[in-house]
């Protein structure tokens, strides 16, 4: 299989996507500071997003009567696995890890380890190929990602038991995301990407309900303030509805390895927003600037034809 190329438009879409997803770490941190629990944030996000996807599918069906809404019975288990790996377990682990160990550790595991795992398995499973320039670009971006996260807000309280447990929980996130992306790639080759994301989001949201019932987190709906509601709306509409569609659409066009390489820029976006927002109040340092330059140099090498 020849090396895939990415168009200027798809590059723009992916840069927009990582801006959305990079900001989500900050939005989640704000929601946690407002008193919501990790499970509550995940449940409210995906139940809301599921409702939005149902409306979107209904509108699409009204516009195009030939639009296919059903999936074969044999593919239902696959959709359930995607829901568990990409929504239920992934975001429960990520939000719990952010709460216990902090957003910087979460950024390292999701944005640094996930693309590496996805790239390795893409080459093995889907026979995707990267040229030497793209491989060098991935390595450059990986180094930049590590510099940004370490030079930004990273602290390692080794003797902190809560931090240690949070880090162990976060170790599951790159594996879950890699499984979700690679298995999803096969599924979207058979069905429309938006339809797949819609069903995965709906199933994932419903699968979170037992966790929320066990935690009794639904009562938090009555105590949520404006910031909490805005956080849930942003996460569900922008990061889920729009973000997941861009992610799978780009994977279908250019492959999982090339698409996942854009995740390296997420920590840089997160830090920039953390510096800008007074609720977070972080400072921009030389290592962050240097790491950001390496990240975008790497992305340029990966995407340049």
C-alpha atoms as a PDB file:
ATOM      1  CA  UNK A   1       0.000   0.000   0.000  1.00  0.00           C
ATOM      2  CA  UNK A   2       1.422   3.385  -0.984  1.00  0.00           C
ATOM      3  CA  UNK A   3       2.080   6.110   1.561  1.00  0.00           C
ATOM      4  CA  UNK A   4      -1.072   8.135   2.111  1.00  0.00           C
ATOM      5  CA  UNK A   5      -1.224  11.914   1.760  1.00  0.00           C
ATOM      6  CA  UNK A   6      -3.481  14.386   3.546  1.00  0.00           C
ATOM      7  CA  UNK A   7      -5.121  17.336   1.826  1.00  0.00           C
ATOM      8  CA  UNK A   8      -4.904  20.936   3.012  1.00  0.00           C
ATOM      9  CA  UNK A   9      -8.597  20.858   3.958  1.00  0.00           C
ATOM     10  CA  UNK A  10      -8.243  17.682   6.018  1.00  0.00           C
ATOM     11  CA  UNK A  11      -5.171  19.172   7.689  1.00  0.00           C
ATOM     12  CA  UNK A  12      -7.275  22.196   8.648  1.00  0.00           C
ATOM     13  CA  UNK A  13     -10.007  19.919  10.007  1.00  0.00           C
ATOM     14  CA  UNK A  14      -7.532  17.953  12.123  1.00  0.00           C
ATOM     15  CA  UNK A  15      -5.901  21.117  13.501  1.00  0.00           C
ATOM     16  CA  UNK A  16      -9.387  22.342  14.407  1.00  0.00           C
ATOM     17  CA  UNK A  17     -10.133  19.006  16.034  1.00  0.00           C
ATOM     18  CA  UNK A  18      -7.028  18.945  18.203  1.00  0.00           C
ATOM     19  CA  UNK A  19      -7.877  22.500  19.295  1.00  0.00           C
ATOM     20  CA  UNK A  20     -11.280  21.231  20.444  1.00  0.00           C
ATOM     21  CA  UNK A  21      -9.861  18.150  22.126  1.00  0.00           C
ATOM     22  CA  UNK A  22      -6.888  20.035  23.584  1.00  0.00           C
ATOM     23  CA  UNK A  23      -9.274  22.476  25.217  1.00  0.00           C
ATOM     24  CA  UNK A  24     -11.358  19.620  26.623  1.00  0.00           C
ATOM     25  CA  UNK A  25      -8.715  18.916  29.294  1.00  0.00           C
ATOM     26  CA  UNK A  26      -9.184  22.468  30.562  1.00  0.00           C
ATOM     27  CA  UNK A  27     -12.970  22.265  30.337  1.00  0.00           C
ATOM     28  CA  UNK A  28     -12.991  19.018  32.317  1.00  0.00           C
ATOM     29  CA  UNK A  29     -10.699  20.559  34.936  1.00  0.00           C
ATOM     30  CA  UNK A  30     -13.096  23.508  35.278  1.00  0.00           C
ATOM     31  CA  UNK A  31     -16.063  21.152  35.633  1.00  0.00           C
ATOM     32  CA  UNK A  32     -14.218  19.149  38.311  1.00  0.00           C
ATOM     33  CA  UNK A  33     -13.423  22.373  40.152  1.00  0.00           C
ATOM     34  CA  UNK A  34     -17.138  23.216  40.048  1.00  0.00           C
ATOM     35  CA  UNK A  35     -17.893  20.042  42.004  1.00  0.00           C
ATOM     36  CA  UNK A  36     -18.894  17.514  39.349  1.00  0.00           C
ATOM     37  CA  UNK A  37     -17.470  14.002  39.695  1.00  0.00           C
ATOM     38  CA  UNK A  38     -15.579  12.328  36.806  1.00  0.00           C
ATOM     39  CA  UNK A  39     -18.402   9.823  36.231  1.00  0.00           C
ATOM     40  CA  UNK A  40     -21.015  12.601  36.299  1.00  0.00           C
ATOM     41  CA  UNK A  41     -19.124  14.616  33.658  1.00  0.00           C
ATOM     42  CA  UNK A  42     -18.748  11.575  31.389  1.00  0.00           C
ATOM     43  CA  UNK A  43     -22.390  10.514  31.805  1.00  0.00           C
ATOM     44  CA  UNK A  44     -23.888  13.963  31.275  1.00  0.00           C
ATOM     45  CA  UNK A  45     -21.588  14.548  28.296  1.00  0.00           C
ATOM     46  CA  UNK A  46     -22.478  11.392  26.410  1.00  0.00           C
ATOM     47  CA  UNK A  47     -26.164  11.262  27.239  1.00  0.00           C
ATOM     48  CA  UNK A  48     -26.414  14.821  25.909  1.00  0.00           C
ATOM     49  CA  UNK A  49     -24.265  13.971  22.899  1.00  0.00           C
ATOM     50  CA  UNK A  50     -26.381  10.874  22.245  1.00  0.00           C
ATOM     51  CA  UNK A  51     -29.498  13.028  22.103  1.00  0.00           C
ATOM     52  CA  UNK A  52     -27.784  15.402  19.670  1.00  0.00           C
ATOM     53  CA  UNK A  53     -26.762  12.484  17.451  1.00  0.00           C
ATOM     54  CA  UNK A  54     -30.346  11.165  17.407  1.00  0.00           C
ATOM     55  CA  UNK A  55     -31.576  14.588  16.254  1.00  0.00           C
ATOM     56  CA  UNK A  56     -28.832  14.766  13.616  1.00  0.00           C
ATOM     57  CA  UNK A  57     -29.687  11.303  12.288  1.00  0.00           C
ATOM     58  CA  UNK A  58     -33.377  12.207  12.155  1.00  0.00           C
ATOM     59  CA  UNK A  59     -32.601  15.362  10.165  1.00  0.00           C
ATOM     60  CA  UNK A  60     -30.335  13.443   7.784  1.00  0.00           C
ATOM     61  CA  UNK A  61     -33.009  10.806   7.219  1.00  0.00           C
ATOM     62  CA  UNK A  62     -35.560  13.513   6.459  1.00  0.00           C
ATOM     63  CA  UNK A  63     -33.191  15.073   3.923  1.00  0.00           C
ATOM     64  CA  UNK A  64     -32.209  11.776   2.334  1.00  0.00           C
ATOM     65  CA  UNK A  65     -34.725   8.929   2.505  1.00  0.00           C
ATOM     66  CA  UNK A  66     -32.071   6.515   1.216  1.00  0.00           C
ATOM     67  CA  UNK A  67     -29.792   7.268   4.176  1.00  0.00           C
ATOM     68  CA  UNK A  68     -29.034   3.949   5.865  1.00  0.00           C
ATOM     69  CA  UNK A  69     -29.784   3.840   9.603  1.00  0.00           C
ATOM     70  CA  UNK A  70     -29.713   0.117  10.315  1.00  0.00           C
ATOM     71  CA  UNK A  71     -26.684  -2.077  10.882  1.00  0.00           C
ATOM     72  CA  UNK A  72     -26.394  -5.819  10.513  1.00  0.00           C
ATOM     73  CA  UNK A  73     -26.936  -7.897  13.648  1.00  0.00           C
ATOM     74  CA  UNK A  74     -23.473  -9.364  13.401  1.00  0.00           C
ATOM     75  CA  UNK A  75     -21.977  -5.854  13.730  1.00  0.00           C
ATOM     76  CA  UNK A  76     -23.866  -4.947  16.924  1.00  0.00           C
ATOM     77  CA  UNK A  77     -21.243  -6.595  19.202  1.00  0.00           C
ATOM     78  CA  UNK A  78     -18.560  -4.545  17.437  1.00  0.00           C
ATOM     79  CA  UNK A  79     -20.491  -1.329  18.101  1.00  0.00           C
ATOM     80  CA  UNK A  80     -20.814  -2.327  21.755  1.00  0.00           C
ATOM     81  CA  UNK A  81     -17.060  -2.903  22.012  1.00  0.00           C
ATOM     82  CA  UNK A  82     -16.451   0.503  20.396  1.00  0.00           C
ATOM     83  CA  UNK A  83     -18.836   2.089  22.900  1.00  0.00           C
ATOM     84  CA  UNK A  84     -17.038   0.476  25.838  1.00  0.00           C
ATOM     85  CA  UNK A  85     -13.486   1.209  24.629  1.00  0.00           C
ATOM     86  CA  UNK A  86     -14.043   4.665  23.136  1.00  0.00           C
ATOM     87  CA  UNK A  87     -16.617   6.095  25.539  1.00  0.00           C
ATOM     88  CA  UNK A  88     -17.597   4.226  28.712  1.00  0.00           C
ATOM     89  CA  UNK A  89     -14.268   2.886  29.959  1.00  0.00           C
ATOM     90  CA  UNK A  90     -12.037   5.435  28.204  1.00  0.00           C
ATOM     91  CA  UNK A  91     -13.642   8.563  29.628  1.00  0.00           C
ATOM     92  CA  UNK A  92     -14.298   7.048  33.039  1.00  0.00           C
ATOM     93  CA  UNK A  93     -10.575   6.265  33.235  1.00  0.00           C
ATOM     94  CA  UNK A  94      -9.473   9.592  31.765  1.00  0.00           C
ATOM     95  CA  UNK A  95     -11.639  11.834  33.933  1.00  0.00           C
ATOM     96  CA  UNK A  96     -10.867   9.820  37.069  1.00  0.00           C
ATOM     97  CA  UNK A  97      -7.166  10.012  36.219  1.00  0.00           C
ATOM     98  CA  UNK A  98      -7.334  13.766  35.644  1.00  0.00           C
ATOM     99  CA  UNK A  99      -9.023  14.160  39.016  1.00  0.00           C
ATOM    100  CA  UNK A 100      -6.452  12.007  40.846  1.00  0.00           C
ATOM    101  CA  UNK A 101      -3.180  12.607  38.956  1.00  0.00           C
ATOM    102  CA  UNK A 102      -3.798  15.822  36.997  1.00  0.00           C
ATOM    103  CA  UNK A 103      -4.334  16.778  33.353  1.00  0.00           C
ATOM    104  CA  UNK A 104      -0.642  16.753  32.421  1.00  0.00           C
ATOM    105  CA  UNK A 105      -0.235  13.032  33.086  1.00  0.00           C
ATOM    106  CA  UNK A 106      -3.456  12.389  31.152  1.00  0.00           C
ATOM    107  CA  UNK A 107      -2.073  14.378  28.226  1.00  0.00           C
ATOM    108  CA  UNK A 108       1.141  12.335  28.170  1.00  0.00           C
ATOM    109  CA  UNK A 109      -0.643   8.996  28.096  1.00  0.00           C
ATOM    110  CA  UNK A 110      -3.399   9.933  25.638  1.00  0.00           C
ATOM    111  CA  UNK A 111      -1.459  12.203  23.288  1.00  0.00           C
ATOM    112  CA  UNK A 112       1.973  10.580  23.377  1.00  0.00           C
ATOM    113  CA  UNK A 113       1.370   6.870  23.864  1.00  0.00           C
ATOM    114  CA  UNK A 114      -1.844   6.555  21.819  1.00  0.00           C
ATOM    115  CA  UNK A 115      -0.356   7.645  18.455  1.00  0.00           C
ATOM    116  CA  UNK A 116       2.645   5.372  18.968  1.00  0.00           C
ATOM    117  CA  UNK A 117       0.438   2.354  19.720  1.00  0.00           C
ATOM    118  CA  UNK A 118      -1.916   3.186  16.835  1.00  0.00           C
ATOM    119  CA  UNK A 119       0.987   3.630  14.401  1.00  0.00           C
ATOM    120  CA  UNK A 120       2.633   0.337  15.362  1.00  0.00           C
ATOM    121  CA  UNK A 121      -0.586  -1.666  15.068  1.00  0.00           C
ATOM    122  CA  UNK A 122      -1.626   0.148  11.867  1.00  0.00           C
ATOM    123  CA  UNK A 123       1.589  -0.952  10.219  1.00  0.00           C
ATOM    124  CA  UNK A 124       1.136  -4.514  11.471  1.00  0.00           C
ATOM    125  CA  UNK A 125      -2.610  -4.915  10.872  1.00  0.00           C
ATOM    126  CA  UNK A 126      -3.508  -2.605   7.986  1.00  0.00           C
ATOM    127  CA  UNK A 127      -0.110  -2.636   6.262  1.00  0.00           C
ATOM    128  CA  UNK A 128       0.032   1.165   6.318  1.00  0.00           C
ATOM    129  CA  UNK A 129       3.388   2.634   5.351  1.00  0.00           C
ATOM    130  CA  UNK A 130       5.122   5.847   6.395  1.00  0.00           C
ATOM    131  CA  UNK A 131       8.070   7.383   4.578  1.00  0.00           C
ATOM    132  CA  UNK A 132      11.258   8.384   6.400  1.00  0.00           C
ATOM    133  CA  UNK A 133      10.250  12.037   6.589  1.00  0.00           C
ATOM    134  CA  UNK A 134       6.930  11.176   8.249  1.00  0.00           C
ATOM    135  CA  UNK A 135       8.628   8.826  10.717  1.00  0.00           C
ATOM    136  CA  UNK A 136      11.085  11.590  11.600  1.00  0.00           C
ATOM    137  CA  UNK A 137       8.143  13.982  11.956  1.00  0.00           C
ATOM    138  CA  UNK A 138       6.380  11.638  14.398  1.00  0.00           C
ATOM    139  CA  UNK A 139       9.560  11.333  16.457  1.00  0.00           C
ATOM    140  CA  UNK A 140      10.041  15.117  16.475  1.00  0.00           C
ATOM    141  CA  UNK A 141       6.436  15.698  17.530  1.00  0.00           C
ATOM    142  CA  UNK A 142       6.725  13.066  20.268  1.00  0.00           C
ATOM    143  CA  UNK A 143       9.775  14.815  21.736  1.00  0.00           C
ATOM    144  CA  UNK A 144       7.923  18.145  21.540  1.00  0.00           C
ATOM    145  CA  UNK A 145       4.896  16.681  23.308  1.00  0.00           C
ATOM    146  CA  UNK A 146       7.021  15.416  26.178  1.00  0.00           C
ATOM    147  CA  UNK A 147       8.787  18.790  26.526  1.00  0.00           C
ATOM    148  CA  UNK A 148       5.468  20.666  26.579  1.00  0.00           C
ATOM    149  CA  UNK A 149       3.890  18.478  29.234  1.00  0.00           C
ATOM    150  CA  UNK A 150       6.998  18.333  31.422  1.00  0.00           C
ATOM    151  CA  UNK A 151       7.774  22.022  30.976  1.00  0.00           C
ATOM    152  CA  UNK A 152       4.180  23.036  31.659  1.00  0.00           C
ATOM    153  CA  UNK A 153       2.427  21.728  34.715  1.00  0.00           C
ATOM    154  CA  UNK A 154       3.920  18.296  35.307  1.00  0.00           C
ATOM    155  CA  UNK A 155       4.840  17.348  38.852  1.00  0.00           C
ATOM    156  CA  UNK A 156       5.551  13.853  40.086  1.00  0.00           C
ATOM    157  CA  UNK A 157       4.688  13.341  43.742  1.00  0.00           C
ATOM    158  CA  UNK A 158       6.014   9.777  43.791  1.00  0.00           C
ATOM    159  CA  UNK A 159       4.988   9.155  47.390  1.00  0.00           C
ATOM    160  CA  UNK A 160       1.425  10.320  46.740  1.00  0.00           C
ATOM    161  CA  UNK A 161      -0.771   7.210  46.736  1.00  0.00           C
ATOM    162  CA  UNK A 162      -3.648   8.964  44.967  1.00  0.00           C
ATOM    163  CA  UNK A 163      -1.315  10.169  42.216  1.00  0.00           C
ATOM    164  CA  UNK A 164       0.090   6.656  41.780  1.00  0.00           C
ATOM    165  CA  UNK A 165      -3.361   5.077  41.500  1.00  0.00           C
ATOM    166  CA  UNK A 166      -4.484   7.813  39.096  1.00  0.00           C
ATOM    167  CA  UNK A 167      -1.467   7.176  36.894  1.00  0.00           C
ATOM    168  CA  UNK A 168      -2.205   3.449  36.833  1.00  0.00           C
ATOM    169  CA  UNK A 169      -5.788   4.203  35.766  1.00  0.00           C
ATOM    170  CA  UNK A 170      -4.553   6.554  33.034  1.00  0.00           C
ATOM    171  CA  UNK A 171      -2.271   3.838  31.651  1.00  0.00           C
ATOM    172  CA  UNK A 172      -5.405   2.165  30.304  1.00  0.00           C
ATOM    173  CA  UNK A 173      -6.402   5.169  28.178  1.00  0.00           C
ATOM    174  CA  UNK A 174      -3.908   4.853  25.285  1.00  0.00           C
ATOM    175  CA  UNK A 175      -4.683   1.146  24.949  1.00  0.00           C
ATOM    176  CA  UNK A 176      -8.434   1.801  24.945  1.00  0.00           C
ATOM    177  CA  UNK A 177      -8.122   4.635  22.420  1.00  0.00           C
ATOM    178  CA  UNK A 178      -5.908   2.587  20.121  1.00  0.00           C
ATOM    179  CA  UNK A 179      -8.377  -0.322  20.205  1.00  0.00           C
ATOM    180  CA  UNK A 180     -11.252   2.076  19.575  1.00  0.00           C
ATOM    181  CA  UNK A 181      -9.574   3.785  16.614  1.00  0.00           C
ATOM    182  CA  UNK A 182      -8.297   0.642  14.912  1.00  0.00           C
ATOM    183  CA  UNK A 183     -11.501  -1.361  15.357  1.00  0.00           C
ATOM    184  CA  UNK A 184     -13.503   1.687  14.310  1.00  0.00           C
ATOM    185  CA  UNK A 185     -11.472   1.950  11.109  1.00  0.00           C
ATOM    186  CA  UNK A 186     -12.751  -1.447  10.000  1.00  0.00           C
ATOM    187  CA  UNK A 187     -16.322  -0.535  10.890  1.00  0.00           C
ATOM    188  CA  UNK A 188     -16.406   2.768   8.982  1.00  0.00           C
ATOM    189  CA  UNK A 189     -15.214   0.986   5.868  1.00  0.00           C
ATOM    190  CA  UNK A 190     -18.613  -0.726   5.890  1.00  0.00           C
ATOM    191  CA  UNK A 191     -20.873   2.034   7.253  1.00  0.00           C
ATOM    192  CA  UNK A 192     -21.078   5.807   7.161  1.00  0.00           C
ATOM    193  CA  UNK A 193     -18.648   7.258   9.774  1.00  0.00           C
ATOM    194  CA  UNK A 194     -21.274   9.584  11.230  1.00  0.00           C
ATOM    195  CA  UNK A 195     -23.675   6.671  11.725  1.00  0.00           C
ATOM    196  CA  UNK A 196     -21.001   4.633  13.501  1.00  0.00           C
ATOM    197  CA  UNK A 197     -20.046   7.521  15.790  1.00  0.00           C
ATOM    198  CA  UNK A 198     -23.713   8.186  16.539  1.00  0.00           C
ATOM    199  CA  UNK A 199     -24.425   4.611  17.630  1.00  0.00           C
ATOM    200  CA  UNK A 200     -21.175   4.395  19.604  1.00  0.00           C
ATOM    201  CA  UNK A 201     -21.958   7.636  21.437  1.00  0.00           C
ATOM    202  CA  UNK A 202     -25.542   6.598  22.215  1.00  0.00           C
ATOM    203  CA  UNK A 203     -24.511   3.132  23.418  1.00  0.00           C
ATOM    204  CA  UNK A 204     -21.587   4.558  25.378  1.00  0.00           C
ATOM    205  CA  UNK A 205     -23.827   7.090  27.116  1.00  0.00           C
ATOM    206  CA  UNK A 206     -26.344   4.429  28.149  1.00  0.00           C
ATOM    207  CA  UNK A 207     -23.502   2.190  29.349  1.00  0.00           C
ATOM    208  CA  UNK A 208     -22.412   4.948  31.731  1.00  0.00           C
ATOM    209  CA  UNK A 209     -25.809   5.054  33.466  1.00  0.00           C
ATOM    210  CA  UNK A 210     -25.109   2.097  35.832  1.00  0.00           C
ATOM    211  CA  UNK A 211     -21.907   3.817  37.005  1.00  0.00           C
ATOM    212  CA  UNK A 212     -23.795   7.036  37.698  1.00  0.00           C
ATOM    213  CA  UNK A 213     -26.581   5.183  39.495  1.00  0.00           C
ATOM    214  CA  UNK A 214     -24.040   3.410  41.683  1.00  0.00           C
ATOM    215  CA  UNK A 215     -22.397   6.747  42.469  1.00  0.00           C
ATOM    216  CA  UNK A 216     -25.752   8.547  42.772  1.00  0.00           C
ATOM    217  CA  UNK A 217     -24.326  11.293  40.577  1.00  0.00           C
ATOM    218  CA  UNK A 218     -27.596  12.167  38.814  1.00  0.00           C
ATOM    219  CA  UNK A 219     -28.533  14.316  41.809  1.00  0.00           C
ATOM    220  CA  UNK A 220     -25.747  16.702  40.764  1.00  0.00           C
ATOM    221  CA  UNK A 221     -27.982  17.888  37.912  1.00  0.00           C
ATOM    222  CA  UNK A 222     -29.944  19.944  40.447  1.00  0.00           C
ATOM    223  CA  UNK A 223     -26.836  21.651  41.841  1.00  0.00           C
ATOM    224  CA  UNK A 224     -24.974  22.383  38.593  1.00  0.00           C
ATOM    225  CA  UNK A 225     -24.131  26.032  37.943  1.00  0.00           C
ATOM    226  CA  UNK A 226     -23.765  27.819  34.592  1.00  0.00           C
ATOM    227  CA  UNK A 227     -20.085  26.893  34.182  1.00  0.00           C
ATOM    228  CA  UNK A 228     -20.898  23.211  34.697  1.00  0.00           C
ATOM    229  CA  UNK A 229     -23.698  23.269  32.124  1.00  0.00           C
ATOM    230  CA  UNK A 230     -21.543  25.132  29.594  1.00  0.00           C
ATOM    231  CA  UNK A 231     -18.771  22.565  30.106  1.00  0.00           C
ATOM    232  CA  UNK A 232     -21.151  19.647  29.454  1.00  0.00           C
ATOM    233  CA  UNK A 233     -22.643  21.346  26.383  1.00  0.00           C
ATOM    234  CA  UNK A 234     -19.200  22.102  24.944  1.00  0.00           C
ATOM    235  CA  UNK A 235     -17.926  18.572  25.553  1.00  0.00           C
ATOM    236  CA  UNK A 236     -21.043  16.954  24.071  1.00  0.00           C
ATOM    237  CA  UNK A 237     -21.642  19.167  21.028  1.00  0.00           C
ATOM    238  CA  UNK A 238     -18.157  20.280  19.963  1.00  0.00           C
ATOM    239  CA  UNK A 239     -15.846  17.557  21.256  1.00  0.00           C
ATOM    240  CA  UNK A 240     -18.242  14.629  20.680  1.00  0.00           C
ATOM    241  CA  UNK A 241     -20.745  15.437  17.906  1.00  0.00           C
ATOM    242  CA  UNK A 242     -18.369  17.369  15.680  1.00  0.00           C
ATOM    243  CA  UNK A 243     -15.053  16.011  16.932  1.00  0.00           C
ATOM    244  CA  UNK A 244     -15.739  12.307  16.510  1.00  0.00           C
ATOM    245  CA  UNK A 245     -17.066  12.805  13.006  1.00  0.00           C
ATOM    246  CA  UNK A 246     -13.881  14.615  11.925  1.00  0.00           C
ATOM    247  CA  UNK A 247     -11.727  11.921  13.574  1.00  0.00           C
ATOM    248  CA  UNK A 248     -13.264   8.920  11.846  1.00  0.00           C
ATOM    249  CA  UNK A 249     -13.756  10.709   8.514  1.00  0.00           C
ATOM    250  CA  UNK A 250     -10.053  11.560   8.395  1.00  0.00           C
ATOM    251  CA  UNK A 251      -9.031   8.033   9.427  1.00  0.00           C
ATOM    252  CA  UNK A 252     -11.100   6.695   6.533  1.00  0.00           C
ATOM    253  CA  UNK A 253      -9.370   9.047   4.067  1.00  0.00           C
ATOM    254  CA  UNK A 254      -5.719   8.983   5.130  1.00  0.00           C
ATOM    255  CA  UNK A 255      -5.329   6.105   7.590  1.00  0.00           C
ATOM    256  CA  UNK A 256      -5.083   5.731  11.350  1.00  0.00           C
ATOM    257  CA  UNK A 257      -1.335   6.295  11.685  1.00  0.00           C
ATOM    258  CA  UNK A 258      -1.271   9.656   9.911  1.00  0.00           C
ATOM    259  CA  UNK A 259      -4.474  10.868  11.571  1.00  0.00           C
ATOM    260  CA  UNK A 260      -3.347   9.928  15.080  1.00  0.00           C
ATOM    261  CA  UNK A 261      -0.087  11.882  14.667  1.00  0.00           C
ATOM    262  CA  UNK A 262      -2.052  15.117  15.118  1.00  0.00           C
ATOM    263  CA  UNK A 263      -2.712  14.120  18.742  1.00  0.00           C
ATOM    264  CA  UNK A 264       0.856  15.194  19.512  1.00  0.00           C
ATOM    265  CA  UNK A 265      -0.228  18.852  19.329  1.00  0.00           C
ATOM    266  CA  UNK A 266      -2.979  18.507  21.944  1.00  0.00           C
ATOM    267  CA  UNK A 267      -0.830  19.195  25.040  1.00  0.00           C
ATOM    268  CA  UNK A 268       0.478  22.402  23.451  1.00  0.00           C
ATOM    269  CA  UNK A 269      -3.088  23.592  22.847  1.00  0.00           C
ATOM    270  CA  UNK A 270      -3.988  22.662  26.417  1.00  0.00           C
ATOM    271  CA  UNK A 271      -1.102  24.661  27.876  1.00  0.00           C
ATOM    272  CA  UNK A 272      -1.810  27.711  25.720  1.00  0.00           C
ATOM    273  CA  UNK A 273      -5.414  27.763  26.905  1.00  0.00           C
ATOM    274  CA  UNK A 274      -4.312  27.175  30.489  1.00  0.00           C
ATOM    275  CA  UNK A 275      -2.119  30.266  30.247  1.00  0.00           C
ATOM    276  CA  UNK A 276      -4.929  32.348  28.754  1.00  0.00           C
ATOM    277  CA  UNK A 277      -7.751  31.384  31.109  1.00  0.00           C
ATOM    278  CA  UNK A 278      -7.612  33.057  34.553  1.00  0.00           C
ATOM    279  CA  UNK A 279      -9.360  30.033  36.143  1.00  0.00           C
ATOM    280  CA  UNK A 280      -6.239  27.960  35.406  1.00  0.00           C
ATOM    281  CA  UNK A 281      -3.531  30.626  35.635  1.00  0.00           C
ATOM    282  CA  UNK A 282      -0.514  28.750  34.259  1.00  0.00           C
ATOM    283  CA  UNK A 283       2.585  30.527  32.947  1.00  0.00           C
ATOM    284  CA  UNK A 284       4.143  30.144  29.493  1.00  0.00           C
ATOM    285  CA  UNK A 285       7.758  28.979  29.766  1.00  0.00           C
ATOM    286  CA  UNK A 286      10.659  28.541  27.365  1.00  0.00           C
ATOM    287  CA  UNK A 287      10.364  24.724  27.352  1.00  0.00           C
ATOM    288  CA  UNK A 288       6.695  25.039  26.356  1.00  0.00           C
ATOM    289  CA  UNK A 289       7.573  27.338  23.447  1.00  0.00           C
ATOM    290  CA  UNK A 290      10.407  25.041  22.341  1.00  0.00           C
ATOM    291  CA  UNK A 291       8.212  21.965  22.613  1.00  0.00           C
ATOM    292  CA  UNK A 292       5.433  23.661  20.674  1.00  0.00           C
ATOM    293  CA  UNK A 293       7.851  24.489  17.872  1.00  0.00           C
ATOM    294  CA  UNK A 294       8.955  20.856  17.699  1.00  0.00           C
ATOM    295  CA  UNK A 295       5.341  19.670  17.640  1.00  0.00           C
ATOM    296  CA  UNK A 296       4.340  21.833  14.717  1.00  0.00           C
ATOM    297  CA  UNK A 297       7.605  21.045  12.921  1.00  0.00           C
ATOM    298  CA  UNK A 298       6.731  17.379  13.288  1.00  0.00           C
ATOM    299  CA  UNK A 299       3.172  17.882  12.050  1.00  0.00           C
ATOM    300  CA  UNK A 300       4.529  19.828   9.072  1.00  0.00           C
ATOM    301  CA  UNK A 301       6.891  16.992   8.158  1.00  0.00           C
ATOM    302  CA  UNK A 302       4.125  14.418   8.554  1.00  0.00           C
ATOM    303  CA  UNK A 303       1.567  16.273   6.396  1.00  0.00           C
ATOM    304  CA  UNK A 304       3.820  17.892   3.773  1.00  0.00           C
ATOM    305  CA  UNK A 305       3.490  16.150   0.399  1.00  0.00           C
END
